[in-house]
């Protein structure tokens, strides 16, 4: 007789936000058309000089509300307090995708879906815990929802196959009072 002993478990939380998604979309569109894209920036993703880097996000009270909401939802689900470190906007145009990566050294990462036209590629988690665990776990994006997951979890976004842009916001958090 075999007895199952779970050594590790990977949890991906999903939730629906109450923020004004249309107003946020307007903020992002206005910011994207701006000549002066001031806002938040993640220096850890700096690419080779001269390469394009899309890790900016507009300053927005709606994004601030979303961050508070995500932190509260995570705390309610886990009893763990997290602190926002950074965030950035992704705008995927037709045929764009995101290669496999993770968000180490951050404890918790999240993605919020602002605009998801038909043909948007799913986010695919690659939880290679052991050879018996599925190697690809896709989540279909849905406007107004967010996913939260361990920062060390490898993931990618499949090719975007729509003429309309797919817009999401990524976040990184650290656990408060972590020894």
N, C-alpha and C. Protein backbone atom coordinates (compact mmCIF):
# COMPACT_ATOMS: atom_id res chain seq x y z
N UNK A 1 0.84 -1.17 0.00
CA UNK A 1 0.00 0.00 0.00
C UNK A 1 0.89 1.24 0.00
N UNK A 2 0.57 2.17 -0.90
CA UNK A 2 1.30 3.43 -0.97
C UNK A 2 0.62 4.48 -0.12
N UNK A 3 1.42 5.29 0.53
CA UNK A 3 0.91 6.43 1.28
C UNK A 3 1.47 7.69 0.64
N UNK A 4 0.61 8.63 0.30
CA UNK A 4 1.05 9.87 -0.33
C UNK A 4 1.49 10.86 0.74
N UNK A 5 2.66 11.42 0.57
CA UNK A 5 3.19 12.45 1.45
C UNK A 5 3.49 13.68 0.61
N UNK A 6 2.72 14.73 0.81
CA UNK A 6 2.92 15.94 0.03
C UNK A 6 4.10 16.72 0.61
N UNK A 7 5.10 16.96 -0.22
CA UNK A 7 6.27 17.71 0.21
C UNK A 7 6.12 19.18 -0.14
N UNK A 8 5.59 19.43 -1.30
CA UNK A 8 5.41 20.81 -1.72
C UNK A 8 4.09 20.96 -2.46
N UNK A 9 3.56 22.14 -2.38
CA UNK A 9 2.31 22.44 -3.07
C UNK A 9 2.45 23.83 -3.67
N UNK A 10 2.06 23.99 -4.90
CA UNK A 10 2.12 25.29 -5.55
C UNK A 10 0.69 25.81 -5.68
N UNK A 11 0.44 26.96 -5.06
CA UNK A 11 -0.90 27.54 -5.07
C UNK A 11 -0.88 28.79 -5.94
N UNK A 12 -1.83 28.87 -6.85
CA UNK A 12 -2.06 30.08 -7.64
C UNK A 12 -3.44 30.59 -7.23
N UNK A 13 -3.47 31.77 -6.62
CA UNK A 13 -4.74 32.37 -6.20
C UNK A 13 -5.29 33.20 -7.35
N UNK A 14 -6.61 33.18 -7.50
CA UNK A 14 -7.24 34.03 -8.51
C UNK A 14 -8.33 34.83 -7.82
N UNK A 15 -8.51 36.06 -8.29
CA UNK A 15 -9.53 36.91 -7.71
C UNK A 15 -10.05 37.90 -8.73
N UNK A 16 -11.15 38.53 -8.37
CA UNK A 16 -11.75 39.54 -9.24
C UNK A 16 -11.65 40.88 -8.53
N UNK A 17 -11.22 41.90 -9.25
CA UNK A 17 -11.04 43.22 -8.67
C UNK A 17 -12.28 44.08 -8.83
N UNK A 18 -12.45 45.00 -7.89
CA UNK A 18 -13.59 45.92 -7.96
C UNK A 18 -13.18 47.31 -8.47
N UNK A 19 -11.93 47.46 -8.89
CA UNK A 19 -11.49 48.77 -9.38
C UNK A 19 -12.20 49.13 -10.68
N UNK A 20 -12.14 50.39 -11.06
CA UNK A 20 -12.73 50.86 -12.30
C UNK A 20 -11.77 50.54 -13.45
N UNK A 21 -11.95 49.37 -14.06
CA UNK A 21 -11.04 48.88 -15.10
C UNK A 21 -11.04 49.79 -16.31
N UNK A 22 -12.19 50.34 -16.69
CA UNK A 22 -12.25 51.23 -17.85
C UNK A 22 -11.46 52.52 -17.62
N UNK A 23 -11.56 53.05 -16.40
CA UNK A 23 -10.78 54.25 -16.08
C UNK A 23 -9.28 53.93 -16.08
N UNK A 24 -8.92 52.77 -15.57
CA UNK A 24 -7.52 52.34 -15.59
C UNK A 24 -7.04 52.19 -17.03
N UNK A 25 -7.85 51.60 -17.89
CA UNK A 25 -7.49 51.45 -19.30
C UNK A 25 -7.28 52.81 -19.95
N UNK A 26 -8.14 53.77 -19.62
CA UNK A 26 -7.97 55.14 -20.12
C UNK A 26 -6.65 55.73 -19.65
N UNK A 27 -6.31 55.55 -18.36
CA UNK A 27 -5.04 56.05 -17.82
C UNK A 27 -3.85 55.45 -18.57
N UNK A 28 -3.90 54.14 -18.81
CA UNK A 28 -2.79 53.46 -19.48
C UNK A 28 -2.68 53.93 -20.92
N UNK A 29 -3.80 54.03 -21.61
CA UNK A 29 -3.77 54.49 -23.01
C UNK A 29 -3.23 55.91 -23.12
N UNK A 30 -3.66 56.79 -22.22
CA UNK A 30 -3.18 58.17 -22.22
C UNK A 30 -1.68 58.21 -21.93
N UNK A 31 -1.25 57.43 -20.97
CA UNK A 31 0.17 57.36 -20.60
C UNK A 31 1.01 56.80 -21.75
N UNK A 32 0.48 55.75 -22.42
CA UNK A 32 1.23 55.12 -23.51
C UNK A 32 1.43 56.08 -24.69
N UNK A 33 0.48 56.96 -24.93
CA UNK A 33 0.58 57.92 -26.03
C UNK A 33 1.43 59.14 -25.67
N UNK A 34 1.75 59.27 -24.40
CA UNK A 34 2.49 60.43 -23.92
C UNK A 34 3.95 60.42 -24.40
N UNK A 35 4.50 61.61 -24.60
CA UNK A 35 5.92 61.73 -24.95
C UNK A 35 6.80 61.57 -23.71
N UNK A 36 6.24 61.84 -22.55
CA UNK A 36 7.00 61.77 -21.30
C UNK A 36 6.41 60.65 -20.45
N UNK A 37 6.95 59.46 -20.59
CA UNK A 37 6.42 58.32 -19.87
C UNK A 37 7.02 58.22 -18.47
N UNK A 38 6.74 59.21 -17.64
CA UNK A 38 7.20 59.13 -16.26
C UNK A 38 6.30 58.14 -15.53
N UNK A 39 6.85 57.52 -14.52
CA UNK A 39 6.10 56.54 -13.75
C UNK A 39 7.05 55.65 -13.01
N UNK A 40 6.59 54.46 -12.67
CA UNK A 40 7.41 53.51 -11.93
C UNK A 40 8.31 52.75 -12.90
N UNK A 41 9.48 52.36 -12.41
CA UNK A 41 10.44 51.67 -13.26
C UNK A 41 11.12 50.57 -12.46
N UNK A 42 11.37 49.44 -13.07
CA UNK A 42 12.04 48.32 -12.41
C UNK A 42 13.47 48.19 -12.94
N UNK A 43 14.47 48.67 -12.19
CA UNK A 43 15.86 48.61 -12.68
C UNK A 43 16.41 47.20 -12.78
N UNK A 44 15.78 46.23 -12.13
CA UNK A 44 16.28 44.86 -12.20
C UNK A 44 16.09 44.24 -13.57
N UNK A 45 15.26 44.84 -14.41
CA UNK A 45 15.03 44.27 -15.74
C UNK A 45 15.75 45.08 -16.82
N UNK A 46 16.71 45.90 -16.41
CA UNK A 46 17.46 46.71 -17.37
C UNK A 46 18.11 45.79 -18.40
N UNK A 47 17.91 46.11 -19.64
CA UNK A 47 18.48 45.31 -20.72
C UNK A 47 19.77 45.95 -21.22
N UNK A 48 20.40 45.32 -22.17
CA UNK A 48 21.61 45.86 -22.77
C UNK A 48 21.31 47.25 -23.32
N UNK A 49 22.24 48.17 -23.15
CA UNK A 49 22.02 49.55 -23.58
C UNK A 49 21.53 49.60 -25.03
N UNK A 50 20.48 50.36 -25.24
CA UNK A 50 19.92 50.51 -26.58
C UNK A 50 18.74 49.58 -26.83
N UNK A 51 18.57 48.53 -26.00
CA UNK A 51 17.43 47.63 -26.18
C UNK A 51 16.17 48.27 -25.61
N UNK A 52 15.04 47.84 -26.12
CA UNK A 52 13.75 48.33 -25.64
C UNK A 52 13.39 47.64 -24.33
N UNK A 53 12.91 48.40 -23.36
CA UNK A 53 12.48 47.85 -22.08
C UNK A 53 11.11 48.42 -21.77
N UNK A 54 10.12 47.53 -21.58
CA UNK A 54 8.75 47.99 -21.38
C UNK A 54 8.30 47.89 -19.93
N UNK A 55 9.21 48.03 -18.98
CA UNK A 55 8.87 47.80 -17.58
C UNK A 55 8.48 49.08 -16.86
N UNK A 56 7.63 49.86 -17.46
CA UNK A 56 7.13 51.09 -16.85
C UNK A 56 5.65 50.95 -16.55
N UNK A 57 5.18 51.82 -15.69
CA UNK A 57 3.74 51.90 -15.41
C UNK A 57 3.41 53.33 -15.07
N UNK A 58 2.26 53.81 -15.48
CA UNK A 58 1.89 55.18 -15.13
C UNK A 58 1.58 55.29 -13.64
N UNK A 59 1.82 56.47 -13.08
CA UNK A 59 1.36 56.71 -11.72
C UNK A 59 -0.15 56.83 -11.78
N UNK A 60 -0.83 56.06 -10.96
CA UNK A 60 -2.28 56.00 -11.05
C UNK A 60 -2.87 55.65 -9.69
N UNK A 61 -3.85 56.44 -9.25
CA UNK A 61 -4.51 56.11 -7.99
C UNK A 61 -5.30 54.81 -8.13
N UNK A 62 -5.70 54.48 -9.34
CA UNK A 62 -6.44 53.23 -9.55
C UNK A 62 -5.50 52.04 -9.35
N UNK A 63 -4.26 52.14 -9.84
CA UNK A 63 -3.29 51.07 -9.60
C UNK A 63 -2.99 50.97 -8.10
N UNK A 64 -2.89 52.11 -7.42
CA UNK A 64 -2.68 52.09 -5.97
C UNK A 64 -3.83 51.36 -5.26
N UNK A 65 -5.07 51.60 -5.70
CA UNK A 65 -6.24 50.90 -5.14
C UNK A 65 -6.13 49.40 -5.40
N UNK A 66 -5.71 49.05 -6.62
CA UNK A 66 -5.57 47.64 -6.98
C UNK A 66 -4.53 46.96 -6.10
N UNK A 67 -3.42 47.63 -5.85
CA UNK A 67 -2.37 47.07 -4.99
C UNK A 67 -2.93 46.81 -3.59
N UNK A 68 -3.66 47.77 -3.03
CA UNK A 68 -4.26 47.58 -1.70
C UNK A 68 -5.22 46.38 -1.71
N UNK A 69 -6.02 46.28 -2.76
CA UNK A 69 -6.98 45.19 -2.88
C UNK A 69 -6.28 43.83 -2.94
N UNK A 70 -5.24 43.73 -3.76
CA UNK A 70 -4.49 42.47 -3.90
C UNK A 70 -3.84 42.08 -2.57
N UNK A 71 -3.24 43.05 -1.90
CA UNK A 71 -2.61 42.77 -0.59
C UNK A 71 -3.65 42.26 0.41
N UNK A 72 -4.81 42.91 0.44
CA UNK A 72 -5.87 42.51 1.37
C UNK A 72 -6.38 41.10 1.06
N UNK A 73 -6.60 40.81 -0.21
CA UNK A 73 -7.08 39.48 -0.60
C UNK A 73 -6.07 38.40 -0.22
N UNK A 74 -4.78 38.68 -0.44
CA UNK A 74 -3.75 37.70 -0.10
C UNK A 74 -3.71 37.47 1.41
N UNK A 75 -3.77 38.55 2.18
CA UNK A 75 -3.76 38.45 3.63
C UNK A 75 -4.98 37.66 4.14
N UNK A 76 -6.14 37.93 3.56
CA UNK A 76 -7.35 37.21 3.97
C UNK A 76 -7.25 35.71 3.67
N UNK A 77 -6.64 35.38 2.53
CA UNK A 77 -6.53 33.97 2.12
C UNK A 77 -5.46 33.21 2.89
N UNK A 78 -4.37 33.91 3.26
CA UNK A 78 -3.22 33.20 3.81
C UNK A 78 -2.86 33.58 5.25
N UNK A 79 -3.35 34.74 5.72
CA UNK A 79 -2.93 35.24 7.03
C UNK A 79 -1.55 35.87 6.99
N UNK A 80 -1.01 36.08 5.80
CA UNK A 80 0.34 36.63 5.62
C UNK A 80 0.23 38.04 5.05
N UNK A 81 0.96 38.96 5.65
CA UNK A 81 1.00 40.34 5.17
C UNK A 81 2.13 40.47 4.14
N UNK A 82 1.83 41.14 3.03
CA UNK A 82 2.85 41.38 2.00
C UNK A 82 2.99 42.87 1.74
N UNK A 83 4.17 43.24 1.25
CA UNK A 83 4.48 44.63 0.94
C UNK A 83 4.78 44.76 -0.55
N UNK A 84 4.14 45.74 -1.19
CA UNK A 84 4.36 46.01 -2.61
C UNK A 84 5.79 46.49 -2.83
N UNK A 85 6.44 45.94 -3.84
CA UNK A 85 7.80 46.36 -4.20
C UNK A 85 7.80 47.12 -5.51
N UNK A 86 7.11 46.58 -6.53
CA UNK A 86 7.14 47.20 -7.85
C UNK A 86 6.01 46.66 -8.71
N UNK A 87 5.76 47.36 -9.81
CA UNK A 87 4.79 46.90 -10.80
C UNK A 87 5.12 47.54 -12.13
N UNK A 88 4.57 46.94 -13.20
CA UNK A 88 4.80 47.45 -14.55
C UNK A 88 3.69 46.98 -15.47
N UNK A 89 3.49 47.71 -16.55
CA UNK A 89 2.45 47.41 -17.52
C UNK A 89 3.04 46.62 -18.69
N UNK A 90 2.29 45.62 -19.14
CA UNK A 90 2.64 44.88 -20.36
C UNK A 90 1.57 45.17 -21.41
N UNK A 91 2.00 45.59 -22.58
CA UNK A 91 1.08 45.75 -23.70
C UNK A 91 1.55 44.80 -24.79
N UNK A 92 0.78 43.73 -24.99
CA UNK A 92 1.12 42.76 -26.04
C UNK A 92 0.31 43.09 -27.28
N UNK A 93 1.03 43.35 -28.36
CA UNK A 93 0.40 43.55 -29.65
C UNK A 93 0.42 42.21 -30.39
N UNK A 94 -0.21 42.15 -31.54
CA UNK A 94 -0.32 40.90 -32.29
C UNK A 94 1.04 40.22 -32.44
N UNK A 95 1.06 38.92 -32.18
CA UNK A 95 2.21 38.02 -32.29
C UNK A 95 3.26 38.20 -31.20
N UNK A 96 2.98 39.02 -30.19
CA UNK A 96 3.92 39.16 -29.07
C UNK A 96 3.66 38.07 -28.05
N UNK A 97 4.71 37.71 -27.32
CA UNK A 97 4.62 36.73 -26.24
C UNK A 97 5.67 37.12 -25.20
N UNK A 98 5.69 36.42 -24.09
CA UNK A 98 6.70 36.64 -23.05
C UNK A 98 7.38 35.32 -22.78
N UNK A 99 8.71 35.31 -22.85
CA UNK A 99 9.49 34.09 -22.63
C UNK A 99 9.39 33.62 -21.18
N UNK A 100 9.76 32.38 -20.96
CA UNK A 100 9.76 31.79 -19.62
C UNK A 100 10.68 32.57 -18.70
N UNK A 101 10.15 32.89 -17.52
CA UNK A 101 10.91 33.64 -16.51
C UNK A 101 10.24 33.43 -15.15
N UNK A 102 10.87 33.95 -14.12
CA UNK A 102 10.26 33.99 -12.80
C UNK A 102 10.60 35.34 -12.18
N UNK A 103 10.15 35.57 -10.97
CA UNK A 103 10.33 36.87 -10.35
C UNK A 103 11.22 36.80 -9.10
N UNK A 104 12.10 35.79 -9.02
CA UNK A 104 13.05 35.71 -7.93
C UNK A 104 13.85 37.00 -7.89
N UNK A 105 14.07 37.62 -6.77
CA UNK A 105 13.99 37.12 -5.39
C UNK A 105 12.70 37.49 -4.66
N UNK A 106 11.66 37.87 -5.37
CA UNK A 106 10.42 38.30 -4.70
C UNK A 106 9.61 37.10 -4.24
N UNK A 107 8.88 37.29 -3.15
CA UNK A 107 8.12 36.19 -2.53
C UNK A 107 6.83 35.90 -3.27
N UNK A 108 6.11 36.95 -3.63
CA UNK A 108 4.79 36.80 -4.26
C UNK A 108 4.73 37.70 -5.48
N UNK A 109 4.20 37.18 -6.56
CA UNK A 109 3.99 37.97 -7.78
C UNK A 109 2.52 37.90 -8.14
N UNK A 110 2.09 38.87 -8.94
CA UNK A 110 0.69 38.90 -9.36
C UNK A 110 0.60 39.50 -10.75
N UNK A 111 -0.50 39.20 -11.43
CA UNK A 111 -0.80 39.81 -12.72
C UNK A 111 -2.28 40.16 -12.71
N UNK A 112 -2.59 41.38 -13.17
CA UNK A 112 -3.97 41.84 -13.29
C UNK A 112 -4.24 42.07 -14.77
N UNK A 113 -5.40 41.60 -15.23
CA UNK A 113 -5.74 41.69 -16.65
C UNK A 113 -6.66 42.89 -16.91
N UNK A 114 -6.11 43.89 -17.59
CA UNK A 114 -6.83 45.12 -17.90
C UNK A 114 -7.67 44.94 -19.16
N UNK A 115 -7.06 44.41 -20.21
CA UNK A 115 -7.73 44.24 -21.49
C UNK A 115 -7.33 42.88 -22.08
N UNK A 116 -8.34 42.06 -22.38
CA UNK A 116 -8.07 40.70 -22.87
C UNK A 116 -8.99 40.42 -24.07
N UNK A 117 -8.57 40.85 -25.27
CA UNK A 117 -9.39 40.55 -26.45
C UNK A 117 -9.32 39.06 -26.81
N UNK A 118 -10.30 38.61 -27.58
CA UNK A 118 -10.29 37.23 -28.05
C UNK A 118 -8.99 36.99 -28.81
N UNK A 119 -8.33 35.86 -28.54
CA UNK A 119 -7.06 35.54 -29.17
C UNK A 119 -5.87 35.83 -28.27
N UNK A 120 -6.14 36.31 -27.05
CA UNK A 120 -5.05 36.58 -26.10
C UNK A 120 -4.45 35.26 -25.63
N UNK A 121 -3.14 35.21 -25.58
CA UNK A 121 -2.47 34.00 -25.11
C UNK A 121 -2.62 33.83 -23.61
N UNK A 122 -2.70 32.58 -23.15
CA UNK A 122 -2.79 32.33 -21.72
C UNK A 122 -1.44 32.50 -21.04
N UNK A 123 -1.47 32.71 -19.73
CA UNK A 123 -0.25 32.60 -18.93
C UNK A 123 -0.09 31.11 -18.65
N UNK A 124 1.11 30.60 -18.76
CA UNK A 124 1.38 29.18 -18.57
C UNK A 124 2.41 29.03 -17.46
N UNK A 125 2.02 28.34 -16.39
CA UNK A 125 2.93 28.09 -15.28
C UNK A 125 3.66 26.78 -15.52
N UNK A 126 4.92 26.74 -15.12
CA UNK A 126 5.79 25.58 -15.35
C UNK A 126 6.33 25.10 -14.00
N UNK A 127 5.49 24.40 -13.22
CA UNK A 127 5.85 24.04 -11.85
C UNK A 127 6.67 22.77 -11.73
N UNK A 128 7.80 22.70 -12.36
CA UNK A 128 8.56 21.45 -12.43
C UNK A 128 9.04 20.98 -11.06
N UNK A 129 8.07 20.61 -10.21
CA UNK A 129 8.39 20.10 -8.87
C UNK A 129 8.97 18.69 -8.95
N UNK A 130 8.39 17.88 -9.78
CA UNK A 130 8.89 16.52 -9.99
C UNK A 130 8.33 15.99 -11.30
N UNK A 131 8.84 14.86 -11.74
CA UNK A 131 8.44 14.36 -13.05
C UNK A 131 7.00 13.85 -13.10
N UNK A 132 6.35 13.71 -11.95
CA UNK A 132 4.96 13.25 -11.94
C UNK A 132 3.97 14.41 -11.97
N UNK A 133 4.46 15.62 -11.83
CA UNK A 133 3.60 16.81 -11.81
C UNK A 133 3.48 17.35 -13.24
N UNK A 134 2.31 17.84 -13.63
CA UNK A 134 2.19 18.41 -14.99
C UNK A 134 3.21 19.54 -15.19
N UNK A 135 3.82 19.55 -16.33
CA UNK A 135 4.87 20.53 -16.60
C UNK A 135 4.34 21.85 -17.12
N UNK A 136 3.11 21.89 -17.61
CA UNK A 136 2.51 23.13 -18.14
C UNK A 136 1.10 23.26 -17.62
N UNK A 137 0.83 24.38 -16.94
CA UNK A 137 -0.50 24.62 -16.39
C UNK A 137 -0.97 25.98 -16.89
N UNK A 138 -1.82 26.00 -17.94
CA UNK A 138 -2.27 27.28 -18.50
C UNK A 138 -3.46 27.86 -17.73
N UNK A 139 -3.49 29.19 -17.64
CA UNK A 139 -4.63 29.92 -17.09
C UNK A 139 -5.07 30.91 -18.16
N UNK A 140 -6.32 30.84 -18.56
CA UNK A 140 -6.85 31.76 -19.56
C UNK A 140 -7.13 33.10 -18.90
N UNK A 141 -6.56 34.20 -19.43
CA UNK A 141 -6.79 35.50 -18.80
C UNK A 141 -8.23 35.97 -18.97
N UNK A 142 -8.70 36.72 -17.97
CA UNK A 142 -10.06 37.27 -18.01
C UNK A 142 -9.99 38.70 -17.50
N UNK A 143 -10.58 39.63 -18.24
CA UNK A 143 -10.56 41.04 -17.86
C UNK A 143 -11.10 41.23 -16.45
N UNK A 144 -10.40 42.09 -15.68
CA UNK A 144 -10.84 42.43 -14.34
C UNK A 144 -10.44 41.45 -13.27
N UNK A 145 -9.67 40.41 -13.65
CA UNK A 145 -9.24 39.43 -12.66
C UNK A 145 -7.73 39.51 -12.46
N UNK A 146 -7.28 38.91 -11.36
CA UNK A 146 -5.84 38.84 -11.09
C UNK A 146 -5.48 37.44 -10.62
N UNK A 147 -4.22 37.09 -10.82
CA UNK A 147 -3.63 35.85 -10.32
C UNK A 147 -2.48 36.22 -9.41
N UNK A 148 -2.31 35.46 -8.33
CA UNK A 148 -1.17 35.63 -7.42
C UNK A 148 -0.47 34.29 -7.30
N UNK A 149 0.87 34.30 -7.29
CA UNK A 149 1.63 33.06 -7.31
C UNK A 149 3.01 33.29 -6.69
N UNK A 150 3.70 32.20 -6.31
CA UNK A 150 5.05 32.36 -5.76
C UNK A 150 5.98 33.01 -6.79
N UNK A 151 6.80 33.94 -6.34
CA UNK A 151 7.71 34.64 -7.24
C UNK A 151 8.71 33.72 -7.93
N UNK A 152 8.98 32.57 -7.34
CA UNK A 152 9.95 31.64 -7.94
C UNK A 152 9.33 30.73 -9.00
N UNK A 153 8.02 30.82 -9.20
CA UNK A 153 7.34 29.94 -10.14
C UNK A 153 7.59 30.39 -11.58
N UNK A 154 8.24 29.53 -12.36
CA UNK A 154 8.48 29.84 -13.77
C UNK A 154 7.14 29.94 -14.50
N UNK A 155 7.08 30.89 -15.44
CA UNK A 155 5.87 31.08 -16.23
C UNK A 155 6.21 31.81 -17.52
N UNK A 156 5.27 31.78 -18.45
CA UNK A 156 5.42 32.48 -19.72
C UNK A 156 4.03 32.88 -20.20
N UNK A 157 3.98 33.71 -21.23
CA UNK A 157 2.71 34.07 -21.84
C UNK A 157 2.78 33.66 -23.31
N UNK A 158 1.81 32.85 -23.72
CA UNK A 158 1.79 32.39 -25.11
C UNK A 158 1.46 33.54 -26.07
N UNK A 159 1.72 33.30 -27.33
CA UNK A 159 1.57 34.29 -28.39
C UNK A 159 0.17 34.92 -28.39
N UNK A 160 0.18 36.25 -28.55
CA UNK A 160 -1.06 37.02 -28.63
C UNK A 160 -1.52 37.03 -30.08
N UNK A 161 -2.75 36.58 -30.33
CA UNK A 161 -3.23 36.44 -31.70
C UNK A 161 -4.46 37.30 -31.96
N UNK A 162 -4.35 38.57 -31.61
CA UNK A 162 -5.45 39.51 -31.84
C UNK A 162 -4.88 40.82 -32.37
N UNK A 163 -5.66 41.51 -33.15
CA UNK A 163 -5.26 42.84 -33.64
C UNK A 163 -5.34 43.87 -32.51
N UNK A 164 -6.21 43.62 -31.52
CA UNK A 164 -6.35 44.52 -30.37
C UNK A 164 -5.30 44.15 -29.31
N UNK A 165 -4.73 45.13 -28.60
CA UNK A 165 -3.70 44.81 -27.61
C UNK A 165 -4.25 44.11 -26.37
N UNK A 166 -3.43 43.26 -25.81
CA UNK A 166 -3.69 42.60 -24.52
C UNK A 166 -2.90 43.39 -23.50
N UNK A 167 -3.55 43.92 -22.48
CA UNK A 167 -2.88 44.76 -21.49
C UNK A 167 -3.02 44.13 -20.12
N UNK A 168 -1.88 43.99 -19.45
CA UNK A 168 -1.87 43.46 -18.09
C UNK A 168 -0.88 44.27 -17.25
N UNK A 169 -0.99 44.13 -15.95
CA UNK A 169 -0.05 44.77 -15.03
C UNK A 169 0.53 43.67 -14.15
N UNK A 170 1.85 43.63 -14.05
CA UNK A 170 2.53 42.66 -13.19
C UNK A 170 2.99 43.35 -11.91
N UNK A 171 3.03 42.58 -10.83
CA UNK A 171 3.39 43.10 -9.52
C UNK A 171 4.35 42.15 -8.82
N UNK A 172 5.22 42.70 -7.99
CA UNK A 172 6.05 41.90 -7.11
C UNK A 172 5.86 42.39 -5.68
N UNK A 173 5.83 41.43 -4.75
CA UNK A 173 5.65 41.72 -3.33
C UNK A 173 6.67 40.92 -2.53
N UNK A 174 6.96 41.42 -1.33
CA UNK A 174 7.76 40.64 -0.40
C UNK A 174 6.93 40.41 0.87
N UNK A 175 7.21 39.33 1.55
CA UNK A 175 6.50 39.02 2.79
C UNK A 175 7.03 39.92 3.89
N UNK A 176 6.13 40.54 4.64
CA UNK A 176 6.53 41.39 5.78
C UNK A 176 7.07 40.53 6.91
N UNK A 177 8.04 41.08 7.61
CA UNK A 177 8.61 40.43 8.81
C UNK A 177 9.14 39.04 8.53
N UNK A 178 9.73 38.85 7.37
CA UNK A 178 10.30 37.55 7.03
C UNK A 178 11.71 37.49 7.59
N UNK A 179 11.99 36.43 8.35
CA UNK A 179 13.34 36.27 8.92
C UNK A 179 14.33 35.75 7.91
